[in-house]
Protein backbone atom coordinates (compact mmCIF):
# COMPACT_ATOMS: atom_id res chain seq x y z
CA UNK A 1 14.96 -20.90 -12.96
CA UNK A 2 11.46 -22.64 -13.42
CA UNK A 3 10.52 -21.72 -10.18
CA UNK A 4 11.48 -18.03 -10.54
CA UNK A 5 9.14 -17.85 -13.96
CA UNK A 6 6.24 -19.62 -12.67
CA UNK A 7 7.18 -17.53 -9.28
CA UNK A 8 7.42 -13.78 -11.85
CA UNK A 9 3.91 -15.24 -13.31
CA UNK A 10 2.27 -15.58 -10.13
CA UNK A 11 3.25 -11.80 -9.31
CA UNK A 12 1.63 -10.72 -12.82
CA UNK A 13 -1.15 -13.16 -12.48
CA UNK A 14 -2.24 -11.65 -8.62
CA UNK A 15 -1.71 -8.17 -10.03
CA UNK A 16 -4.51 -8.40 -13.22
CA UNK A 17 -6.48 -10.40 -10.81
CA UNK A 18 -7.05 -7.07 -8.60
CA UNK A 19 -8.08 -5.59 -11.39
CA UNK A 20 -10.40 -7.85 -12.35
CA UNK A 21 -11.87 -8.29 -9.07
CA UNK A 22 -12.28 -4.69 -9.41
CA UNK A 23 -14.25 -4.81 -12.55
CA UNK A 24 -16.58 -7.43 -11.35
CA UNK A 25 -17.51 -5.65 -8.73
CA UNK A 26 -17.46 -2.11 -10.44
CA UNK A 27 -20.30 -3.60 -12.47
CA UNK A 28 -21.81 -5.25 -9.29
CA UNK A 29 -22.81 -1.77 -8.02
CA UNK A 30 -26.17 -0.51 -7.78
CA UNK A 31 -26.93 2.63 -6.40
CA UNK A 32 -29.25 5.61 -5.92
CA UNK A 33 -28.96 8.68 -8.36
CA UNK A 34 -28.12 10.57 -5.31
CA UNK A 35 -25.60 8.56 -4.01
CA UNK A 36 -24.68 8.51 -8.18
CA UNK A 37 -23.82 11.56 -7.76
CA UNK A 38 -22.28 11.41 -4.67
CA UNK A 39 -20.03 8.49 -6.12
CA UNK A 40 -19.22 10.67 -9.33
CA UNK A 41 -15.27 11.87 -8.48
CA UNK A 42 -13.24 10.48 -10.48
CA UNK A 43 -11.41 9.16 -7.46
CA UNK A 44 -14.14 6.18 -7.86
CA UNK A 45 -13.61 5.52 -11.53
CA UNK A 46 -11.45 2.60 -12.95
CA UNK A 47 -8.45 3.95 -15.24
CA UNK A 48 -5.42 1.96 -16.99
CA UNK A 49 -3.67 5.92 -16.32
CA UNK A 50 -3.60 5.42 -12.41
CA UNK A 51 -1.51 1.66 -12.78
CA UNK A 52 1.01 2.88 -14.93
CA UNK A 53 3.39 4.15 -12.17
CA UNK A 54 2.12 1.11 -9.52
CA UNK A 55 2.65 -1.34 -12.46
CA UNK A 56 5.63 0.06 -13.45
CA UNK A 57 6.75 -0.45 -10.02
CA UNK A 58 5.31 -3.81 -9.13
CA UNK A 59 7.01 -4.76 -12.82
CA UNK A 60 11.05 -3.52 -11.57
CA UNK A 61 10.82 -5.66 -8.33
CA UNK A 62 9.57 -8.66 -10.35
CA UNK A 63 12.14 -8.11 -12.79
CA UNK A 64 14.63 -7.71 -10.45
CA UNK A 65 14.09 -11.37 -9.08
CA UNK A 66 15.76 -12.73 -12.29
CA UNK A 67 17.62 -9.92 -13.59
CA UNK A 68 21.30 -9.83 -13.58
CA UNK A 69 21.39 -6.23 -13.99
CA UNK A 70 19.21 -5.41 -11.31
CA UNK A 71 20.78 -7.94 -8.90
CA UNK A 72 24.33 -6.22 -9.56
CA UNK A 73 22.35 -3.23 -8.21
CA UNK A 74 21.56 -4.45 -5.62
CA UNK A 75 24.76 -5.74 -4.46
CA UNK A 76 26.13 -2.28 -5.03
CA UNK A 77 23.57 -1.03 -3.11
CA UNK A 78 24.36 -2.77 -0.33
CA UNK A 79 27.84 -2.87 -0.54
CA UNK A 80 27.67 0.92 -0.50
CA UNK A 81 24.75 1.00 2.11
CA UNK A 82 27.75 -1.06 4.74
CA UNK A 83 30.29 1.13 3.74
CA UNK A 84 29.10 4.16 4.89
CA UNK A 85 25.83 2.63 7.63
CA UNK A 86 23.94 4.48 9.86
CA UNK A 87 23.31 3.04 13.16
CA UNK A 88 20.09 1.16 13.00
CA UNK A 89 16.94 2.92 13.99
CA UNK A 90 13.36 1.29 14.48
CA UNK A 91 11.47 4.34 13.50
CA UNK A 92 10.74 2.51 9.77
CA UNK A 93 8.43 0.77 12.22
CA UNK A 94 6.23 3.82 12.56
CA UNK A 95 6.45 6.18 9.83
CA UNK A 96 4.92 3.38 7.87
CA UNK A 97 1.66 4.47 9.43
CA UNK A 98 2.20 8.49 9.88
CA UNK A 99 1.21 9.84 5.98
CA UNK A 100 -2.25 8.15 7.64
CA UNK A 101 -2.30 9.65 11.36
CA UNK A 102 -1.97 12.58 9.36
CA UNK A 103 -4.69 12.71 7.44
CA UNK A 104 -6.57 12.51 11.25
CA UNK A 105 -4.74 14.92 12.65
CA UNK A 106 -5.90 17.89 9.20
CA UNK A 107 -9.01 16.55 10.28
CA UNK A 108 -8.65 16.81 13.74
CA UNK A 109 -7.51 20.03 13.43
CA UNK A 110 -10.21 21.59 11.42
CA UNK A 111 -8.71 20.96 7.84
CA UNK A 112 -11.35 18.85 6.31
CA UNK A 113 -10.32 16.33 2.92
CA UNK A 114 -12.88 14.08 0.83
CA UNK A 115 -14.17 11.93 3.60
CA UNK A 116 -15.58 11.66 7.04
CA UNK A 117 -14.47 9.94 9.79
CA UNK A 118 -16.38 6.61 8.78
CA UNK A 119 -15.69 6.76 4.97
CA UNK A 120 -11.90 7.55 5.49
CA UNK A 121 -11.18 4.42 7.86
CA UNK A 122 -13.18 2.31 5.91
CA UNK A 123 -11.00 3.34 2.63
CA UNK A 124 -7.62 2.78 5.00
CA UNK A 125 -8.97 -0.21 6.33
CA UNK A 126 -10.12 -1.69 3.19
CA UNK A 127 -6.14 -0.75 1.53
CA UNK A 128 -4.35 -2.66 4.13
CA UNK A 129 -6.37 -5.24 4.26
CA UNK A 130 -5.61 -5.00 0.48
CA UNK A 131 -1.53 -4.72 1.51
CA UNK A 132 -1.73 -7.16 3.77
CA UNK A 133 -3.68 -10.23 1.33
CA UNK A 134 -1.04 -9.52 -1.19
CA UNK A 135 2.30 -8.86 0.13
CA UNK A 136 2.38 -11.79 3.32
CA UNK A 137 1.14 -14.61 0.62
CA UNK A 138 4.01 -13.18 -1.73
CA UNK A 139 6.66 -13.04 0.71
CA UNK A 140 6.25 -17.31 1.24
CA UNK A 141 5.86 -17.97 -2.35
CA UNK A 142 9.18 -15.81 -3.76
CA UNK A 143 11.01 -16.74 -0.27
CA UNK A 144 14.02 -14.01 -1.49
CA UNK A 145 16.40 -14.01 0.94
CA UNK A 146 16.66 -11.19 3.31
CA UNK A 147 20.31 -8.98 2.79
CA UNK A 148 21.45 -9.68 6.55
CA UNK A 149 19.95 -13.50 5.78
CA UNK A 150 17.34 -13.14 8.50
CA UNK A 151 15.07 -14.88 6.94
CA UNK A 152 13.81 -15.44 3.39
CA UNK A 153 10.71 -13.15 3.46
CA UNK A 154 12.46 -9.89 1.52
CA UNK A 155 10.14 -9.79 -1.28
CA UNK A 156 8.21 -7.67 -1.59
CA UNK A 157 8.64 -5.18 1.28
CA UNK A 158 5.33 -4.76 3.58
CA UNK A 159 6.37 -1.53 5.30
CA UNK A 160 7.16 0.08 2.17
CA UNK A 161 4.22 -1.20 1.03
CA UNK A 162 1.83 0.09 4.29
CA UNK A 163 4.45 3.30 3.88
CA UNK A 164 3.59 3.83 0.28
CA UNK A 165 -0.58 2.90 0.40
CA UNK A 166 -1.28 5.32 3.66
CA UNK A 167 1.26 8.00 1.59
CA UNK A 168 -1.23 7.62 -1.61
CA UNK A 169 -4.63 7.76 0.64
CA UNK A 170 -3.29 11.21 2.39
CA UNK A 171 -2.47 12.23 -1.46
CA UNK A 172 -5.89 11.55 -2.20
CA UNK A 173 -7.76 12.73 0.47
CA UNK A 174 -6.31 16.52 0.07
CA UNK A 175 -5.27 17.31 -3.52
CA UNK A 176 -8.00 19.18 -4.16
CA UNK A 177 -7.74 20.71 -1.16
CA UNK A 178 -3.68 21.39 -0.54
CA UNK A 179 -1.41 19.66 -3.04
CA UNK A 180 1.51 20.26 -0.88
CA UNK A 181 -0.16 18.52 1.99
CA UNK A 182 -1.20 16.21 -0.09
CA UNK A 183 2.40 15.17 -1.39
CA UNK A 184 3.60 15.46 2.37
CA UNK A 185 3.59 11.80 2.82
CA UNK A 186 5.41 10.88 -0.34
CA UNK A 187 8.68 11.57 1.63
CA UNK A 188 7.83 9.97 4.68
CA UNK A 189 6.99 6.67 2.47
CA UNK A 190 10.57 7.42 0.83
CA UNK A 191 11.99 7.59 4.14
CA UNK A 192 10.84 4.25 5.11
CA UNK A 193 11.81 2.52 2.12
CA UNK A 194 15.49 3.74 2.09
CA UNK A 195 15.72 2.85 5.94
CA UNK A 196 14.39 -0.62 5.34
CA UNK A 197 17.70 -1.03 2.98
CA UNK A 198 19.59 1.36 5.56
CA UNK A 199 19.02 -1.69 8.39
CA UNK A 200 19.56 -3.88 5.53
CA UNK A 201 15.62 -5.99 5.54
CA UNK A 202 15.26 -5.80 2.37
CA UNK A 203 16.72 -5.40 -1.07
CA UNK A 204 16.64 -2.07 -4.23
CA UNK A 205 13.48 -4.51 -5.66
CA UNK A 206 12.10 -5.46 -2.62
CA UNK A 207 11.12 -1.52 -1.60
CA UNK A 208 10.65 -0.78 -5.57
CA UNK A 209 7.32 -3.74 -5.77
CA UNK A 210 6.48 -2.51 -2.43
CA UNK A 211 5.63 0.97 -2.87
CA UNK A 212 4.09 -0.53 -6.28
CA UNK A 213 1.82 -3.18 -4.54
CA UNK A 214 0.91 -0.04 -1.96
CA UNK A 215 -0.36 3.01 -3.90
CA UNK A 216 -2.07 -0.03 -6.51
CA UNK A 217 -4.01 -0.60 -3.18
CA UNK A 218 -5.01 2.62 -2.38
CA UNK A 219 -6.45 3.32 -5.86
CA UNK A 220 -8.15 -0.29 -5.32
CA UNK A 221 -9.59 0.74 -1.99
CA UNK A 222 -11.08 3.97 -3.59
CA UNK A 223 -12.45 2.50 -7.00
CA UNK A 224 -14.54 0.00 -4.35
CA UNK A 225 -15.77 1.97 -2.04
CA UNK A 226 -19.01 2.53 -3.25
CA UNK A 227 -19.46 -1.13 -2.72
CA UNK A 228 -18.26 -0.69 0.61
CA UNK A 229 -19.81 1.93 1.98
CA UNK A 230 -23.08 0.80 0.67
CA UNK A 231 -22.41 -2.46 2.49
CA UNK A 232 -22.02 -0.77 5.22
CA UNK A 233 -24.91 1.44 5.30
CA UNK A 234 -26.97 -1.48 5.41
CA UNK A 235 -26.13 -1.49 8.99
CA UNK A 236 -28.60 0.08 11.46
CA UNK A 237 -25.61 1.01 14.21
CA UNK A 238 -24.78 4.54 14.37
CA UNK A 239 -21.24 2.82 16.08
CA UNK A 240 -18.24 2.79 13.52
CA UNK A 241 -16.18 -0.51 13.64
CA UNK A 242 -13.48 -1.10 11.76
CA UNK A 243 -10.50 -4.00 11.83
CA UNK A 244 -7.33 -3.56 10.25
CA UNK A 245 -3.79 -5.64 9.73
CA UNK A 246 -1.01 -3.89 10.78
CA UNK A 247 2.18 -5.80 9.92
CA UNK A 248 5.50 -5.64 11.60
CA UNK A 249 9.15 -7.44 10.88
CA UNK A 250 8.25 -10.52 13.00
CA UNK A 251 4.58 -10.51 14.31
CA UNK A 252 0.89 -9.37 12.34
CA UNK A 253 -1.69 -7.75 14.74
CA UNK A 254 -5.17 -6.22 13.98
CA UNK A 255 -5.86 -2.61 14.82
CA UNK A 256 -9.22 -1.80 16.01
CA UNK A 257 -11.11 2.21 15.56
CA UNK A 258 -13.85 2.31 17.38
CA UNK A 259 -16.48 5.65 16.70
CA UNK A 260 -18.59 5.55 20.82
């Protein structure tokens, strides 16, 4: 019980640490008047209102680690799935990235979002770095056993975190252009999370927490973008290169975006 309480405190501390890091970074950004106008959009501004949904999701997941009622929900959900379990598929390995791919597809088709290729790649890459830096350590710290008992890396769901970070990226890029297109990523992300449960890889709490971490990671990526963009602008090279993590159930790798 003490270990779980310490783990819960650490998770909440990690979330607040991310918020604190953003505040420090925000205070350190020095930009010109022209850049100030560019970065005046509300998406770059810290807002406690934007924390409500992701922190609620994360809080639900954290509480599920110790709450008997939520553990019972996990068990009953697993039982219902086992009663009507569809054939296991691996689509969730790919749908986690689909909303982000849609952003690039829209741009290629001429439907422009908020940012150009370089800027949106920096933002998405940053969000994926944040997702990986939070979810991977937590898996090894919490050591929650998966429903299929394959290992103890169940909490939080990395696939769901990636899926919702991608969906929120799509939302932020297109919410002012076409709200229905902007919202289209969330059903895909939800599908990814649901199929993590269908494939017996995660409990309900893992999936909900993963969604929260994913949304929060993308929000932070937009908040710190003015600083990150300034760093990239100091590089005189015309070639845009960005490396981001790729997380699968049994492997971790790197993705590369190169603009020749």
